[in-house]
PDB file of N, CA and C in Angstrom:
ATOM      1  N   MET A   1     109.552  95.221 116.973  1.00  0.00           N
ATOM      2  CA  MET A   1     108.210  94.729 116.792  1.00  0.00           C
ATOM      3  C   MET A   1     108.237  93.565 115.810  1.00  0.00           C
ATOM      4  N   ALA A   2     107.694  92.452 116.226  1.00  0.00           N
ATOM      5  CA  ALA A   2     107.647  91.275 115.355  1.00  0.00           C
ATOM      6  C   ALA A   2     106.454  91.381 114.411  1.00  0.00           C
ATOM      7  N   LEU A   3     106.643  90.918 113.206  1.00  0.00           N
ATOM      8  CA  LEU A   3     105.558  90.920 112.230  1.00  0.00           C
ATOM      9  C   LEU A   3     104.845  89.572 112.271  1.00  0.00           C
ATOM     10  N   SER A   4     103.541  89.586 112.047  1.00  0.00           N
ATOM     11  CA  SER A   4     102.764  88.352 111.997  1.00  0.00           C
ATOM     12  C   SER A   4     103.069  87.608 110.697  1.00  0.00           C
ATOM     13  N   GLU A   5     102.611  86.355 110.617  1.00  0.00           N
ATOM     14  CA  GLU A   5     102.831  85.586 109.382  1.00  0.00           C
ATOM     15  C   GLU A   5     102.150  86.259 108.193  1.00  0.00           C
ATOM     16  N   GLY A   6     100.972  86.816 108.414  1.00  0.00           N
ATOM     17  CA  GLY A   6     100.282  87.521 107.332  1.00  0.00           C
ATOM     18  C   GLY A   6     101.072  88.732 106.860  1.00  0.00           C
ATOM     19  N   GLU A   7     101.657  89.451 107.809  1.00  0.00           N
ATOM     20  CA  GLU A   7     102.472  90.615 107.456  1.00  0.00           C
ATOM     21  C   GLU A   7     103.754  90.180 106.743  1.00  0.00           C
ATOM     22  N   ILE A   8     104.339  89.080 107.185  1.00  0.00           N
ATOM     23  CA  ILE A   8     105.539  88.558 106.515  1.00  0.00           C
ATOM     24  C   ILE A   8     105.205  88.174 105.076  1.00  0.00           C
ATOM     25  N   ALA A   9     104.045  87.561 104.870  1.00  0.00           N
ATOM     26  CA  ALA A   9     103.614  87.202 103.514  1.00  0.00           C
ATOM     27  C   ALA A   9     103.487  88.454 102.657  1.00  0.00           C
ATOM     28  N   THR A  10     102.941  89.513 103.238  1.00  0.00           N
ATOM     29  CA  THR A  10     102.803  90.774 102.509  1.00  0.00           C
ATOM     30  C   THR A  10     104.175  91.356 102.192  1.00  0.00           C
ATOM     31  N   VAL A  11     105.079  91.316 103.165  1.00  0.00           N
ATOM     32  CA  VAL A  11     106.448  91.809 102.936  1.00  0.00           C
ATOM     33  C   VAL A  11     107.078  91.054 101.770  1.00  0.00           C
ATOM     34  N   LYS A  12     106.953  89.732 101.773  1.00  0.00           N
ATOM     35  CA  LYS A  12     107.553  88.934 100.702  1.00  0.00           C
ATOM     36  C   LYS A  12     106.944  89.286  99.341  1.00  0.00           C
ATOM     37  N   GLY A  13     105.645  89.497  99.318  1.00  0.00           N
ATOM     38  CA  GLY A  13     105.000  89.896  98.072  1.00  0.00           C
ATOM     39  C   GLY A  13     105.502  91.241  97.590  1.00  0.00           C
ATOM     40  N   MET A  14     105.666  92.157  98.530  1.00  0.00           N
ATOM     41  CA  MET A  14     106.155  93.485  98.180  1.00  0.00           C
ATOM     42  C   MET A  14     107.591  93.413  97.665  1.00  0.00           C
ATOM     43  N   LEU A  15     108.401  92.571  98.286  1.00  0.00           N
ATOM     44  CA  LEU A  15     109.778  92.396  97.822  1.00  0.00           C
ATOM     45  C   LEU A  15     109.799  91.817  96.408  1.00  0.00           C
ATOM     46  N   LEU A  16     108.968  90.816  96.163  1.00  0.00           N
ATOM     47  CA  LEU A  16     108.902  90.217  94.821  1.00  0.00           C
ATOM     48  C   LEU A  16     108.428  91.230  93.784  1.00  0.00           C
ATOM     49  N   ARG A  17     107.554  92.117  94.199  1.00  0.00           N
ATOM     50  CA  ARG A  17     107.043  93.153  93.301  1.00  0.00           C
ATOM     51  C   ARG A  17     108.134  94.182  92.975  1.00  0.00           C
ATOM     52  N   GLY A  18     109.162  94.240  93.818  1.00  0.00           N
ATOM     53  CA  GLY A  18     110.261  95.182  93.578  1.00  0.00           C
ATOM     54  C   GLY A  18     110.254  96.398  94.477  1.00  0.00           C
ATOM     55  N   ASP A  19     109.393  96.386  95.504  1.00  0.00           N
ATOM     56  CA  ASP A  19     109.372  97.511  96.442  1.00  0.00           C
ATOM     57  C   ASP A  19     110.711  97.593  97.172  1.00  0.00           C
ATOM     58  N   ARG A  20     111.118  98.801  97.506  1.00  0.00           N
ATOM     59  CA  ARG A  20     112.375  99.002  98.234  1.00  0.00           C
ATOM     60  C   ARG A  20     112.173  98.634  99.706  1.00  0.00           C
ATOM     61  N   GLN A  21     113.200  98.033 100.286  1.00  0.00           N
ATOM     62  CA  GLN A  21     113.107  97.580 101.676  1.00  0.00           C
ATOM     63  C   GLN A  21     112.768  98.707 102.629  1.00  0.00           C
ATOM     64  N   HIS A  22     113.336  99.885 102.425  1.00  0.00           N
ATOM     65  CA  HIS A  22     113.044 100.974 103.366  1.00  0.00           C
ATOM     66  C   HIS A  22     111.601 101.470 103.214  1.00  0.00           C
ATOM     67  N   ASP A  23     111.020 101.358 102.021  1.00  0.00           N
ATOM     68  CA  ASP A  23     109.612 101.708 101.851  1.00  0.00           C
ATOM     69  C   ASP A  23     108.718 100.700 102.575  1.00  0.00           C
ATOM     70  N   ILE A  24     109.074  99.432 102.474  1.00  0.00           N
ATOM     71  CA  ILE A  24     108.301  98.388 103.158  1.00  0.00           C
ATOM     72  C   ILE A  24     108.385  98.586 104.667  1.00  0.00           C
ATOM     73  N   ALA A  25     109.586  98.872 105.147  1.00  0.00           N
ATOM     74  CA  ALA A  25     109.769  99.107 106.586  1.00  0.00           C
ATOM     75  C   ALA A  25     108.918 100.292 107.037  1.00  0.00           C
ATOM     76  N   ALA A  26     108.864 101.348 106.238  1.00  0.00           N
ATOM     77  CA  ALA A  26     108.043 102.512 106.590  1.00  0.00           C
ATOM     78  C   ALA A  26     106.568 102.147 106.622  1.00  0.00           C
ATOM     79  N   TYR A  27     106.131 101.338 105.676  1.00  0.00           N
ATOM     80  CA  TYR A  27     104.726 100.929 105.633  1.00  0.00           C
ATOM     81  C   TYR A  27     104.325 100.195 106.913  1.00  0.00           C
ATOM     82  N   PHE A  28     105.190  99.287 107.362  1.00  0.00           N
ATOM     83  CA  PHE A  28     104.880  98.503 108.557  1.00  0.00           C
ATOM     84  C   PHE A  28     105.305  99.185 109.849  1.00  0.00           C
ATOM     85  N   GLY A  29     106.032 100.284 109.740  1.00  0.00           N
ATOM     86  CA  GLY A  29     106.479 100.995 110.930  1.00  0.00           C
ATOM     87  C   GLY A  29     107.517 100.218 111.725  1.00  0.00           C
ATOM     88  N   VAL A  30     108.387  99.514 111.010  1.00  0.00           N
ATOM     89  CA  VAL A  30     109.427  98.722 111.668  1.00  0.00           C
ATOM     90  C   VAL A  30     110.797  99.162 111.168  1.00  0.00           C
ATOM     91  N   ASN A  31     111.816  98.718 111.879  1.00  0.00           N
ATOM     92  CA  ASN A  31     113.195  98.949 111.480  1.00  0.00           C
ATOM     93  C   ASN A  31     113.470  98.173 110.193  1.00  0.00           C
ATOM     94  N   GLY A  32     114.255  98.749 109.313  1.00  0.00           N
ATOM     95  CA  GLY A  32     114.604  98.091 108.058  1.00  0.00           C
ATOM     96  C   GLY A  32     115.255  96.734 108.235  1.00  0.00           C
ATOM     97  N   GLY A  33     115.865  96.511 109.387  1.00  0.00           N
ATOM     98  CA  GLY A  33     116.478  95.213 109.665  1.00  0.00           C
ATOM     99  C   GLY A  33     115.469  94.081 109.669  1.00  0.00           C
ATOM    100  N   ARG A  34     114.232  94.370 110.104  1.00  0.00           N
ATOM    101  CA  ARG A  34     113.186  93.333 110.102  1.00  0.00           C
ATOM    102  C   ARG A  34     112.881  92.892 108.674  1.00  0.00           C
ATOM    103  N   ILE A  35     112.875  93.848 107.756  1.00  0.00           N
ATOM    104  CA  ILE A  35     112.594  93.540 106.353  1.00  0.00           C
ATOM    105  C   ILE A  35     113.768  92.779 105.747  1.00  0.00           C
ATOM    106  N   ALA A  36     114.984  93.176 106.110  1.00  0.00           N
ATOM    107  CA  ALA A  36     116.171  92.483 105.619  1.00  0.00           C
ATOM    108  C   ALA A  36     116.180  91.032 106.092  1.00  0.00           C
ATOM    109  N   GLU A  37     115.762  90.785 107.341  1.00  0.00           N
ATOM    110  CA  GLU A  37     115.705  89.414 107.854  1.00  0.00           C
ATOM    111  C   GLU A  37     114.731  88.557 107.043  1.00  0.00           C
ATOM    112  N   ILE A  38     113.645  89.154 106.628  1.00  0.00           N
ATOM    113  CA  ILE A  38     112.667  88.428 105.803  1.00  0.00           C
ATOM    114  C   ILE A  38     113.238  88.213 104.407  1.00  0.00           C
ATOM    115  N   SER A  39     113.878  89.233 103.880  1.00  0.00           N
ATOM    116  CA  SER A  39     114.461  89.160 102.540  1.00  0.00           C
ATOM    117  C   SER A  39     115.511  88.056 102.421  1.00  0.00           C
ATOM    118  N   THR A  40     116.290  87.872 103.476  1.00  0.00           N
ATOM    119  CA  THR A  40     117.356  86.859 103.442  1.00  0.00           C
ATOM    120  C   THR A  40     116.881  85.488 103.893  1.00  0.00           C
ATOM    121  N   GLY A  41     115.646  85.394 104.358  1.00  0.00           N
ATOM    122  CA  GLY A  41     115.127  84.106 104.813  1.00  0.00           C
ATOM    123  C   GLY A  41     115.421  83.811 106.264  1.00  0.00           C
ATOM    124  N   GLN A  42     116.040  84.728 106.964  1.00  0.00           N
ATOM    125  CA  GLN A  42     116.340  84.532 108.383  1.00  0.00           C
ATOM    126  C   GLN A  42     115.052  84.475 109.202  1.00  0.00           C
ATOM    127  N   THR A  43     114.036  85.210 108.750  1.00  0.00           N
ATOM    128  CA  THR A  43     112.739  85.230 109.420  1.00  0.00           C
ATOM    129  C   THR A  43     111.664  84.843 108.408  1.00  0.00           C
ATOM    130  N   GLY A  44     110.748  83.994 108.823  1.00  0.00           N
ATOM    131  CA  GLY A  44     109.586  83.660 107.998  1.00  0.00           C
ATOM    132  C   GLY A  44     109.883  82.859 106.757  1.00  0.00           C
ATOM    133  N   SER A  45     110.915  82.038 106.797  1.00  0.00           N
ATOM    134  CA  SER A  45     111.295  81.296 105.591  1.00  0.00           C
ATOM    135  C   SER A  45     110.202  80.338 105.123  1.00  0.00           C
ATOM    136  N   SER A  46     109.340  79.902 106.015  1.00  0.00           N
ATOM    137  CA  SER A  46     108.283  78.957 105.631  1.00  0.00           C
ATOM    138  C   SER A  46     107.004  79.651 105.158  1.00  0.00           C
ATOM    139  N   VAL A  47     106.985  80.971 105.204  1.00  0.00           N
ATOM    140  CA  VAL A  47     105.782  81.733 104.830  1.00  0.00           C
ATOM    141  C   VAL A  47     105.844  82.064 103.340  1.00  0.00           C
ATOM    142  N   ALA A  48     104.740  81.790 102.633  1.00  0.00           N
ATOM    143  CA  ALA A  48     104.658  82.107 101.201  1.00  0.00           C
ATOM    144  C   ALA A  48     104.309  83.583 101.009  1.00  0.00           C
ATOM    145  N   ALA A  49     104.743  84.123  99.899  1.00  0.00           N
ATOM    146  CA  ALA A  49     104.462  85.526  99.568  1.00  0.00           C
ATOM    147  C   ALA A  49     102.986  85.708  99.229  1.00  0.00           C
ATOM    148  N   SER A  50     102.457  86.848  99.617  1.00  0.00           N
ATOM    149  CA  SER A  50     101.080  87.204  99.244  1.00  0.00           C
ATOM    150  C   SER A  50     101.018  87.462  97.745  1.00  0.00           C
ATOM    151  N   PRO A  51      99.878  87.130  97.119  1.00  0.00           N
ATOM    152  CA  PRO A  51      99.725  87.454  95.694  1.00  0.00           C
ATOM    153  C   PRO A  51      99.655  88.964  95.491  1.00  0.00           C
ATOM    154  N   THR A  52     100.026  89.389  94.318  1.00  0.00           N
ATOM    155  CA  THR A  52     100.075  90.810  93.996  1.00  0.00           C
ATOM    156  C   THR A  52      98.750  91.521  94.264  1.00  0.00           C
ATOM    157  N   ASP A  53      97.645  90.859  93.979  1.00  0.00           N
ATOM    158  CA  ASP A  53      96.325  91.476  94.177  1.00  0.00           C
ATOM    159  C   ASP A  53      96.024  91.779  95.640  1.00  0.00           C
ATOM    160  N   ASP A  54      96.725  91.114  96.565  1.00  0.00           N
ATOM    161  CA  ASP A  54      96.488  91.311  97.995  1.00  0.00           C
ATOM    162  C   ASP A  54      97.437  92.321  98.626  1.00  0.00           C
ATOM    163  N   LEU A  55      98.301  92.921  97.831  1.00  0.00           N
ATOM    164  CA  LEU A  55      99.308  93.837  98.371  1.00  0.00           C
ATOM    165  C   LEU A  55      98.768  95.260  98.449  1.00  0.00           C
ATOM    166  N   PRO A  56      99.317  96.044  99.378  1.00  0.00           N
ATOM    167  CA  PRO A  56      98.958  97.471  99.432  1.00  0.00           C
ATOM    168  C   PRO A  56      99.549  98.180  98.217  1.00  0.00           C
ATOM    169  N   PRO A  57      99.109  99.394  97.944  1.00  0.00           N
ATOM    170  CA  PRO A  57      99.713 100.141  96.838  1.00  0.00           C
ATOM    171  C   PRO A  57     101.220 100.298  97.055  1.00  0.00           C
ATOM    172  N   ALA A  58     101.940 100.383  95.980  1.00  0.00           N
ATOM    173  CA  ALA A  58     103.395 100.543  96.074  1.00  0.00           C
ATOM    174  C   ALA A  58     103.734 101.881  96.711  1.00  0.00           C
ATOM    175  N   GLY A  59     104.846 101.907  97.456  1.00  0.00           N
ATOM    176  CA  GLY A  59     105.293 103.107  98.145  1.00  0.00           C
ATOM    177  C   GLY A  59     105.947 104.081  97.198  1.00  0.00           C
ATOM    178  N   PRO A  60     106.592 105.113  97.674  1.00  0.00           N
ATOM    179  CA  PRO A  60     106.945 105.312  99.081  1.00  0.00           C
ATOM    180  C   PRO A  60     105.741 105.722  99.924  1.00  0.00           C
ATOM    181  N   TYR A  61     105.855 105.460 101.219  1.00  0.00           N
ATOM    182  CA  TYR A  61     104.781 105.725 102.159  1.00  0.00           C
ATOM    183  C   TYR A  61     105.173 106.884 103.054  1.00  0.00           C
ATOM    184  N   MET A  62     104.315 107.858 103.131  1.00  0.00           N
ATOM    185  CA  MET A  62     104.599 109.035 103.940  1.00  0.00           C
ATOM    186  C   MET A  62     104.456 108.732 105.429  1.00  0.00           C
ATOM    187  N   ALA A  63     103.349 108.111 105.814  1.00  0.00           N
ATOM    188  CA  ALA A  63     103.106 107.900 107.236  1.00  0.00           C
ATOM    189  C   ALA A  63     102.833 106.435 107.562  1.00  0.00           C
ATOM    190  N   GLY A  64     103.099 105.564 106.631  1.00  0.00           N
ATOM    191  CA  GLY A  64     102.965 104.155 106.907  1.00  0.00           C
ATOM    192  C   GLY A  64     101.537 103.640 106.891  1.00  0.00           C
ATOM    193  N   ARG A  65     101.412 102.474 107.443  1.00  0.00           N
ATOM    194  CA  ARG A  65     100.166 101.724 107.405  1.00  0.00           C
ATOM    195  C   ARG A  65      99.033 102.456 108.095  1.00  0.00           C
ATOM    196  N   SER A  66      99.314 103.230 109.134  1.00  0.00           N
ATOM    197  CA  SER A  66      98.248 103.926 109.848  1.00  0.00           C
ATOM    198  C   SER A  66      97.561 104.962 108.949  1.00  0.00           C
ATOM    199  N   ALA A  67      98.301 105.611 108.083  1.00  0.00           N
ATOM    200  CA  ALA A  67      97.697 106.579 107.164  1.00  0.00           C
ATOM    201  C   ALA A  67      96.783 105.882 106.168  1.00  0.00           C
ATOM    202  N   LEU A  68      97.196 104.718 105.669  1.00  0.00           N
ATOM    203  CA  LEU A  68      96.349 103.984 104.735  1.00  0.00           C
ATOM    204  C   LEU A  68      95.097 103.463 105.418  1.00  0.00           C
ATOM    205  N   ARG A  69      95.226 103.025 106.659  1.00  0.00           N
ATOM    206  CA  ARG A  69      94.049 102.568 107.405  1.00  0.00           C
ATOM    207  C   ARG A  69      93.095 103.729 107.655  1.00  0.00           C
ATOM    208  N   ALA A  70      93.645 104.882 107.995  1.00  0.00           N
ATOM    209  CA  ALA A  70      92.806 106.062 108.228  1.00  0.00           C
ATOM    210  C   ALA A  70      92.078 106.444 106.950  1.00  0.00           C
ATOM    211  N   ARG A  71      92.759 106.388 105.822  1.00  0.00           N
ATOM    212  CA  ARG A  71      92.131 106.693 104.534  1.00  0.00           C
ATOM    213  C   ARG A  71      90.993 105.730 104.256  1.00  0.00           C
ATOM    214  N   ASP A  72      91.241 104.430 104.442  1.00  0.00           N
ATOM    215  CA  ASP A  72      90.198 103.428 104.214  1.00  0.00           C
ATOM    216  C   ASP A  72      88.998 103.655 105.126  1.00  0.00           C
ATOM    217  N   THR A  73      89.261 104.003 106.376  1.00  0.00           N
ATOM    218  CA  THR A  73      88.183 104.272 107.322  1.00  0.00           C
ATOM    219  C   THR A  73      87.380 105.492 106.898  1.00  0.00           C
ATOM    220  N   LEU A  74      88.072 106.538 106.469  1.00  0.00           N
ATOM    221  CA  LEU A  74      87.379 107.745 106.024  1.00  0.00           C
ATOM    222  C   LEU A  74      86.525 107.485 104.782  1.00  0.00           C
ATOM    223  N   ILE A  75      87.018 106.668 103.873  1.00  0.00           N
ATOM    224  CA  ILE A  75      86.232 106.324 102.687  1.00  0.00           C
ATOM    225  C   ILE A  75      84.984 105.555 103.092  1.00  0.00           C
ATOM    226  N   ALA A  76      85.123 104.605 104.013  1.00  0.00           N
ATOM    227  CA  ALA A  76      83.969 103.835 104.485  1.00  0.00           C
ATOM    228  C   ALA A  76      82.965 104.747 105.181  1.00  0.00           C
ATOM    229  N   LEU A  77      83.451 105.670 105.978  1.00  0.00           N
ATOM    230  CA  LEU A  77      82.560 106.621 106.653  1.00  0.00           C
ATOM    231  C   LEU A  77      81.846 107.524 105.649  1.00  0.00           C
ATOM    232  N   ARG A  78      82.574 107.973 104.645  1.00  0.00           N
ATOM    233  CA  ARG A  78      81.959 108.795 103.604  1.00  0.00           C
ATOM    234  C   ARG A  78      80.804 108.045 102.949  1.00  0.00           C
ATOM    235  N   ASP A  79      81.034 106.773 102.639  1.00  0.00           N
ATOM    236  CA  ASP A  79      79.988 105.970 102.011  1.00  0.00           C
ATOM    237  C   ASP A  79      78.781 105.810 102.934  1.00  0.00           C
ATOM    238  N   LEU A  80      79.040 105.591 104.214  1.00  0.00           N
ATOM    239  CA  LEU A  80      77.939 105.470 105.174  1.00  0.00           C
ATOM    240  C   LEU A  80      77.142 106.771 105.289  1.00  0.00           C
ATOM    241  N   ILE A  81      77.852 107.875 105.309  1.00  0.00           N
ATOM    242  CA  ILE A  81      77.193 109.182 105.404  1.00  0.00           C
ATOM    243  C   ILE A  81      76.348 109.438 104.159  1.00  0.00           C
ATOM    244  N   GLN A  82      76.904 109.127 102.992  1.00  0.00           N
ATOM    245  CA  GLN A  82      76.145 109.325 101.759  1.00  0.00           C
ATOM    246  C   GLN A  82      74.881 108.455 101.752  1.00  0.00           C
ATOM    247  N   ASP A  83      74.992 107.216 102.220  1.00  0.00           N
ATOM    248  CA  ASP A  83      73.827 106.333 102.302  1.00  0.00           C
ATOM    249  C   ASP A  83      72.790 106.894 103.275  1.00  0.00           C
ATOM    250  N   ALA A  84      73.239 107.399 104.410  1.00  0.00           N
ATOM    251  CA  ALA A  84      72.322 107.959 105.399  1.00  0.00           C
ATOM    252  C   ALA A  84      71.599 109.182 104.838  1.00  0.00           C
ATOM    253  N   ILE A  85      72.315 110.021 104.128  1.00  0.00           N
ATOM    254  CA  ILE A  85      71.696 111.200 103.519  1.00  0.00           C
ATOM    255  C   ILE A  85      70.656 110.777 102.486  1.00  0.00           C
ATOM    256  N   SER A  86      70.966 109.781 101.698  1.00  0.00           N
ATOM    257  CA  SER A  86      70.011 109.271 100.713  1.00  0.00           C
ATOM    258  C   SER A  86      68.757 108.739 101.397  1.00  0.00           C
ATOM    259  N   ASP A  87      68.937 108.006 102.498  1.00  0.00           N
ATOM    260  CA  ASP A  87      67.782 107.481 103.247  1.00  0.00           C
ATOM    261  C   ASP A  87      66.933 108.617 103.804  1.00  0.00           C
ATOM    262  N   ILE A  88      67.576 109.616 104.358  1.00  0.00           N
ATOM    263  CA  ILE A  88      66.839 110.768 104.902  1.00  0.00           C
ATOM    264  C   ILE A  88      66.071 111.461 103.785  1.00  0.00           C
ATOM    265  N   ASP A  89      66.704 111.649 102.651  1.00  0.00           N
ATOM    266  CA  ASP A  89      66.036 112.306 101.523  1.00  0.00           C
ATOM    267  C   ASP A  89      64.797 111.537 101.090  1.00  0.00           C
ATOM    268  N   LEU A  90      64.846 110.218 101.137  1.00  0.00           N
ATOM    269  CA  LEU A  90      63.676 109.420 100.760  1.00  0.00           C
ATOM    270  C   LEU A  90      62.487 109.694 101.672  1.00  0.00           C
ATOM    271  N   TYR A  91      62.740 109.857 102.958  1.00  0.00           N
ATOM    272  CA  TYR A  91      61.671 110.055 103.924  1.00  0.00           C
ATOM    273  C   TYR A  91      61.253 111.513 104.063  1.00  0.00           C
ATOM    274  N   GLU A  92      62.095 112.417 103.622  1.00  0.00           N
ATOM    275  CA  GLU A  92      61.792 113.841 103.790  1.00  0.00           C
ATOM    276  C   GLU A  92      61.209 114.472 102.533  1.00  0.00           C
ATOM    277  N   LYS A  93      61.009 113.668 101.479  1.00  0.00           N
ATOM    278  CA  LYS A  93      60.446 114.229 100.257  1.00  0.00           C
ATOM    279  C   LYS A  93      59.033 114.731 100.543  1.00  0.00           C
ATOM    280  N   PRO A  94      58.686 115.910 100.027  1.00  0.00           N
ATOM    281  CA  PRO A  94      57.334 116.425 100.234  1.00  0.00           C
ATOM    282  C   PRO A  94      56.302 115.526  99.563  1.00  0.00           C
ATOM    283  N   LYS A  95      55.192 115.348 100.236  1.00  0.00           N
ATOM    284  CA  LYS A  95      54.114 114.521  99.693  1.00  0.00           C
ATOM    285  C   LYS A  95      53.239 115.394  98.818  1.00  0.00           C
ATOM    286  N   ASP A  96      52.855 114.879  97.678  1.00  0.00           N
ATOM    287  CA  ASP A  96      52.001 115.637  96.755  1.00  0.00           C
ATOM    288  C   ASP A  96      50.560 115.578  97.148  1.00  0.00           C
TER     289      ASP A  96
END
């Protein structure tokens, strides 16, 4: 699986941060060789590293990027549900 330029930038940022190559590979769900190619400049040599603030949390990663996306989605859903409950409570308050 080829990584996009944005993903390569993230890989480079993670490498600069000191993340281990096998952790990065697990995060992206790719073979460690893809990360090694980026590390040596064989792939994506013209792509700049992402800034630290734009990087995912440091690994190790249990289930990779899909688990982090699922977590982010669940947090967003939780917030939406809490907002909906608050809206319902506003309209369901007993009138004096």
